Amino acid sequence: MQITEQNVLLLNCTLKRSPEASSCQLLAVQLLDGFSALGASGDIVRVVDLDLAPGVKADMGDGNEWPSLRTRIMASDILVICTPTWLGHMSSVAQRVLERLDAELSSTDDEGRPLLFGHVAATAVLGNEDGAHKITADLHQALNDVGFTIPAQGGTYWNGAAMEKVDYKDLDETPAPVAETNATLVANAVHLAQVLREHPYPVTPSA
């Protein structure tokens, strides 16, 4: 299959504002490098640097930067949400992104399909505590609910040793299993985005 140019957007949902070092930023850069190697161009957005009002509407009023971020999400073929683990859960920033995406449940194209049906989503989870599998499951379910398609093995993660303080960004090198999983995520996401571009989901027949 000849891959056509694709756009990827990675949302770094760390709680750390720029320019503070972030393990999620490192992993997002590694994933973006992988996408770039396959011809998919894109950017990383550190979401905590934006003013995203709470709510479940596409526009929550003045001073809210979600509409511009939403435009970038809609323009991307592939969305990757990267989140740290806190107390066994995704970050509050990642949860805020999901809540704002809830508005897309009622957004449809000219043929009545959800606007996100043609988009692919994947996830990356980091932390020095357990919880990556649960967070991945929660993210994948929510992203699928609003219309994204998740590729096979579309989640990568790294968990440090329990009760230790070593972060992903402090490792001497990327563990081989993580690097391999990153590569699989990237390759499958690019492939799936190409398939959906060439073969869109059908219009659902009226009941």
Foldseek 3Di string as FASTA:
>chain_A
DDFDEFEEEEEEAELDDPPDDDLLVVVVVLLQVLLVVVRYHYDYDDQNVAAADAAQACDPDPRHPSVVVVVVVLRGQEYEYEAEADPLEGDVSVVRVLSNLNNQQPDADPLRHRSQQLHAYAYEYEEQADNQVVHRVVVVVSCVNSHHDYFVLRYAYDYHHHPDDDTNVNDPDDDPVRSVSSNVNSVRNSVSSRVCVVPPDDRDDDD
